[in-house]
N, C-alpha and C. Protein backbone atom coordinates (compact mmCIF):
# COMPACT_ATOMS: atom_id res chain seq x y z
N MET A 1 -5.31 44.61 -2.11
CA MET A 1 -5.69 44.29 -0.75
C MET A 1 -6.16 45.57 -0.06
N ALA A 2 -7.18 45.41 0.74
CA ALA A 2 -7.74 46.54 1.48
C ALA A 2 -7.63 46.25 2.98
N LEU A 3 -7.60 47.32 3.75
CA LEU A 3 -7.49 47.20 5.21
C LEU A 3 -8.88 47.21 5.82
N TYR A 4 -9.15 46.22 6.70
CA TYR A 4 -10.43 46.11 7.39
C TYR A 4 -10.18 46.00 8.89
N PHE A 5 -11.13 46.52 9.67
CA PHE A 5 -11.02 46.53 11.13
C PHE A 5 -12.13 45.67 11.71
N PHE A 6 -11.75 44.73 12.58
CA PHE A 6 -12.68 43.74 13.12
C PHE A 6 -12.95 44.06 14.60
N ASN A 7 -14.05 44.76 14.86
CA ASN A 7 -14.46 45.05 16.22
C ASN A 7 -15.24 43.86 16.77
N THR A 8 -15.02 43.53 18.04
CA THR A 8 -15.73 42.41 18.64
C THR A 8 -16.56 42.87 19.83
N ILE A 9 -17.71 42.19 20.01
CA ILE A 9 -18.58 42.47 21.15
C ILE A 9 -18.90 41.14 21.81
N SER A 10 -18.61 41.06 23.11
CA SER A 10 -18.88 39.87 23.89
C SER A 10 -19.26 40.31 25.29
N MET A 11 -20.37 39.81 25.80
CA MET A 11 -20.83 40.17 27.14
C MET A 11 -20.88 41.69 27.31
N ASP A 12 -21.42 42.37 26.30
CA ASP A 12 -21.58 43.82 26.28
C ASP A 12 -20.26 44.60 26.35
N LEU A 13 -19.15 43.94 26.07
CA LEU A 13 -17.84 44.59 26.03
C LEU A 13 -17.40 44.73 24.58
N LEU A 14 -17.22 45.95 24.15
CA LEU A 14 -16.75 46.24 22.79
C LEU A 14 -15.24 46.36 22.80
N VAL A 15 -14.59 45.60 21.93
CA VAL A 15 -13.14 45.72 21.73
C VAL A 15 -12.95 46.23 20.31
N GLN A 16 -12.43 47.45 20.21
CA GLN A 16 -12.26 48.08 18.91
C GLN A 16 -10.89 47.76 18.33
N ASP A 17 -10.87 47.31 17.10
CA ASP A 17 -9.64 46.99 16.38
C ASP A 17 -9.08 48.27 15.79
N ASP A 18 -7.92 48.69 16.26
CA ASP A 18 -7.28 49.90 15.74
C ASP A 18 -6.15 49.58 14.77
N ASP A 19 -5.81 48.29 14.61
CA ASP A 19 -4.71 47.90 13.74
C ASP A 19 -5.18 47.48 12.36
N GLY A 20 -6.23 46.68 12.30
CA GLY A 20 -6.77 46.22 11.03
C GLY A 20 -6.01 45.04 10.45
N ILE A 21 -6.66 44.42 9.48
CA ILE A 21 -6.10 43.28 8.76
C ILE A 21 -6.33 43.50 7.27
N GLU A 22 -5.31 43.26 6.47
CA GLU A 22 -5.47 43.38 5.01
C GLU A 22 -6.15 42.13 4.48
N CYS A 23 -7.19 42.34 3.69
CA CYS A 23 -7.95 41.23 3.09
C CYS A 23 -8.06 41.47 1.59
N ALA A 24 -8.02 40.37 0.85
CA ALA A 24 -8.07 40.46 -0.61
C ALA A 24 -9.49 40.61 -1.14
N SER A 25 -10.50 40.19 -0.34
CA SER A 25 -11.87 40.21 -0.84
C SER A 25 -12.85 40.26 0.32
N LEU A 26 -14.10 40.55 0.00
CA LEU A 26 -15.15 40.52 1.02
C LEU A 26 -15.37 39.09 1.51
N PHE A 27 -15.16 38.11 0.63
CA PHE A 27 -15.26 36.70 1.04
C PHE A 27 -14.25 36.41 2.16
N GLU A 28 -13.04 36.91 2.03
CA GLU A 28 -12.03 36.70 3.07
C GLU A 28 -12.42 37.41 4.36
N VAL A 29 -12.99 38.60 4.26
CA VAL A 29 -13.48 39.33 5.43
C VAL A 29 -14.51 38.49 6.18
N LYS A 30 -15.47 37.93 5.45
CA LYS A 30 -16.52 37.13 6.06
C LYS A 30 -15.94 35.88 6.72
N LYS A 31 -14.99 35.25 6.06
CA LYS A 31 -14.36 34.04 6.60
C LYS A 31 -13.62 34.34 7.90
N LEU A 32 -12.88 35.45 7.93
CA LEU A 32 -12.15 35.81 9.14
C LEU A 32 -13.09 36.21 10.28
N ALA A 33 -14.19 36.88 9.95
CA ALA A 33 -15.16 37.27 10.97
C ALA A 33 -15.79 36.04 11.60
N LYS A 34 -16.15 35.07 10.79
CA LYS A 34 -16.76 33.84 11.31
C LYS A 34 -15.75 33.04 12.14
N ARG A 35 -14.53 33.01 11.72
CA ARG A 35 -13.49 32.33 12.49
C ARG A 35 -13.31 33.01 13.85
N ALA A 36 -13.36 34.33 13.86
CA ALA A 36 -13.23 35.08 15.11
C ALA A 36 -14.38 34.74 16.07
N LEU A 37 -15.60 34.59 15.53
CA LEU A 37 -16.74 34.22 16.37
C LEU A 37 -16.51 32.87 17.04
N CYS A 38 -16.00 31.91 16.30
CA CYS A 38 -15.73 30.59 16.87
C CYS A 38 -14.68 30.68 17.98
N GLU A 39 -13.65 31.47 17.77
CA GLU A 39 -12.61 31.64 18.79
C GLU A 39 -13.17 32.35 20.02
N MET A 40 -14.00 33.36 19.80
CA MET A 40 -14.61 34.08 20.92
C MET A 40 -15.45 33.13 21.77
N ALA A 41 -16.26 32.32 21.13
CA ALA A 41 -17.12 31.39 21.86
C ALA A 41 -16.29 30.35 22.61
N THR A 42 -15.23 29.87 21.99
CA THR A 42 -14.38 28.87 22.63
C THR A 42 -13.71 29.41 23.89
N HIS A 43 -13.26 30.66 23.84
CA HIS A 43 -12.48 31.21 24.94
C HIS A 43 -13.29 32.02 25.95
N ASN A 44 -14.57 32.28 25.66
CA ASN A 44 -15.34 33.18 26.53
C ASN A 44 -16.67 32.60 27.01
N LEU A 45 -16.84 31.30 26.95
CA LEU A 45 -18.08 30.71 27.43
C LEU A 45 -18.20 30.87 28.94
N THR A 46 -19.41 31.18 29.40
CA THR A 46 -19.67 31.32 30.83
C THR A 46 -20.81 30.37 31.19
N ASP A 47 -21.26 30.44 32.42
CA ASP A 47 -22.37 29.61 32.88
C ASP A 47 -23.73 30.17 32.47
N ASP A 48 -23.74 31.32 31.82
CA ASP A 48 -25.00 31.91 31.37
C ASP A 48 -25.68 30.99 30.36
N ASN A 49 -26.99 30.98 30.38
CA ASN A 49 -27.74 30.16 29.43
C ASN A 49 -27.85 30.83 28.06
N ARG A 50 -27.54 32.11 28.01
CA ARG A 50 -27.61 32.84 26.74
C ARG A 50 -26.39 33.74 26.59
N GLN A 51 -25.76 33.61 25.46
CA GLN A 51 -24.62 34.48 25.14
C GLN A 51 -24.67 34.83 23.67
N THR A 52 -24.25 36.04 23.38
CA THR A 52 -24.16 36.48 21.99
C THR A 52 -22.78 37.07 21.76
N PHE A 53 -22.16 36.64 20.69
CA PHE A 53 -20.86 37.15 20.27
C PHE A 53 -21.05 37.81 18.91
N THR A 54 -20.44 38.98 18.72
CA THR A 54 -20.62 39.73 17.48
C THR A 54 -19.29 40.25 16.97
N VAL A 55 -19.13 40.22 15.66
CA VAL A 55 -17.98 40.83 14.99
C VAL A 55 -18.54 41.86 14.00
N GLN A 56 -18.09 43.09 14.13
CA GLN A 56 -18.47 44.16 13.21
C GLN A 56 -17.22 44.57 12.45
N VAL A 57 -17.29 44.52 11.12
CA VAL A 57 -16.14 44.84 10.29
C VAL A 57 -16.37 46.18 9.60
N ARG A 58 -15.35 47.03 9.67
CA ARG A 58 -15.44 48.33 8.99
C ARG A 58 -14.24 48.50 8.08
N ASP A 59 -14.42 49.33 7.08
CA ASP A 59 -13.33 49.58 6.14
C ASP A 59 -12.49 50.76 6.61
N LEU A 60 -11.53 51.15 5.81
CA LEU A 60 -10.60 52.22 6.16
C LEU A 60 -11.30 53.56 6.36
N LEU A 61 -12.43 53.75 5.69
CA LEU A 61 -13.20 54.99 5.83
C LEU A 61 -14.13 54.97 7.04
N GLY A 62 -14.21 53.82 7.72
CA GLY A 62 -15.06 53.70 8.90
C GLY A 62 -16.46 53.17 8.61
N SER A 63 -16.74 52.85 7.36
CA SER A 63 -18.05 52.32 7.00
C SER A 63 -18.14 50.85 7.39
N GLN A 64 -19.26 50.48 8.01
CA GLN A 64 -19.46 49.09 8.38
C GLN A 64 -19.77 48.30 7.12
N VAL A 65 -18.98 47.25 6.86
CA VAL A 65 -19.15 46.46 5.64
C VAL A 65 -19.69 45.06 5.90
N TYR A 66 -19.62 44.61 7.16
CA TYR A 66 -20.10 43.27 7.46
C TYR A 66 -20.29 43.13 8.96
N THR A 67 -21.35 42.42 9.35
CA THR A 67 -21.60 42.09 10.75
C THR A 67 -22.04 40.64 10.83
N SER A 68 -21.51 39.93 11.80
CA SER A 68 -21.90 38.55 12.00
C SER A 68 -22.00 38.30 13.49
N SER A 69 -23.02 37.52 13.90
CA SER A 69 -23.22 37.21 15.31
C SER A 69 -23.42 35.72 15.50
N LEU A 70 -23.02 35.25 16.67
CA LEU A 70 -23.23 33.88 17.07
C LEU A 70 -23.98 33.91 18.40
N LYS A 71 -25.15 33.31 18.43
CA LYS A 71 -25.97 33.28 19.64
C LYS A 71 -25.99 31.86 20.17
N ILE A 72 -25.67 31.71 21.46
CA ILE A 72 -25.68 30.42 22.11
C ILE A 72 -26.77 30.44 23.16
N THR A 73 -27.69 29.48 23.07
CA THR A 73 -28.79 29.38 24.02
C THR A 73 -28.81 27.95 24.56
N ALA A 74 -28.88 27.85 25.87
CA ALA A 74 -28.93 26.54 26.51
C ALA A 74 -30.14 26.50 27.45
N SER A 75 -30.63 25.32 27.68
CA SER A 75 -31.74 25.19 28.63
C SER A 75 -31.58 23.95 29.47
């Protein structure tokens, strides 16, 4: 298991993960990042017609290993 850090960006606010989560594989990292995007959208929707939520995952050395974004557009 390796330690990964899941930073989140919502409404131009970066929340840096300083604790990390142990994951067994990159597949698990991707699954957790996508789940985090769904939770972010559920809890942070505003009246804006456009919102973007992003999760940036880095490893213990600080290298970015995965990024995923969810863009919501309404008209």
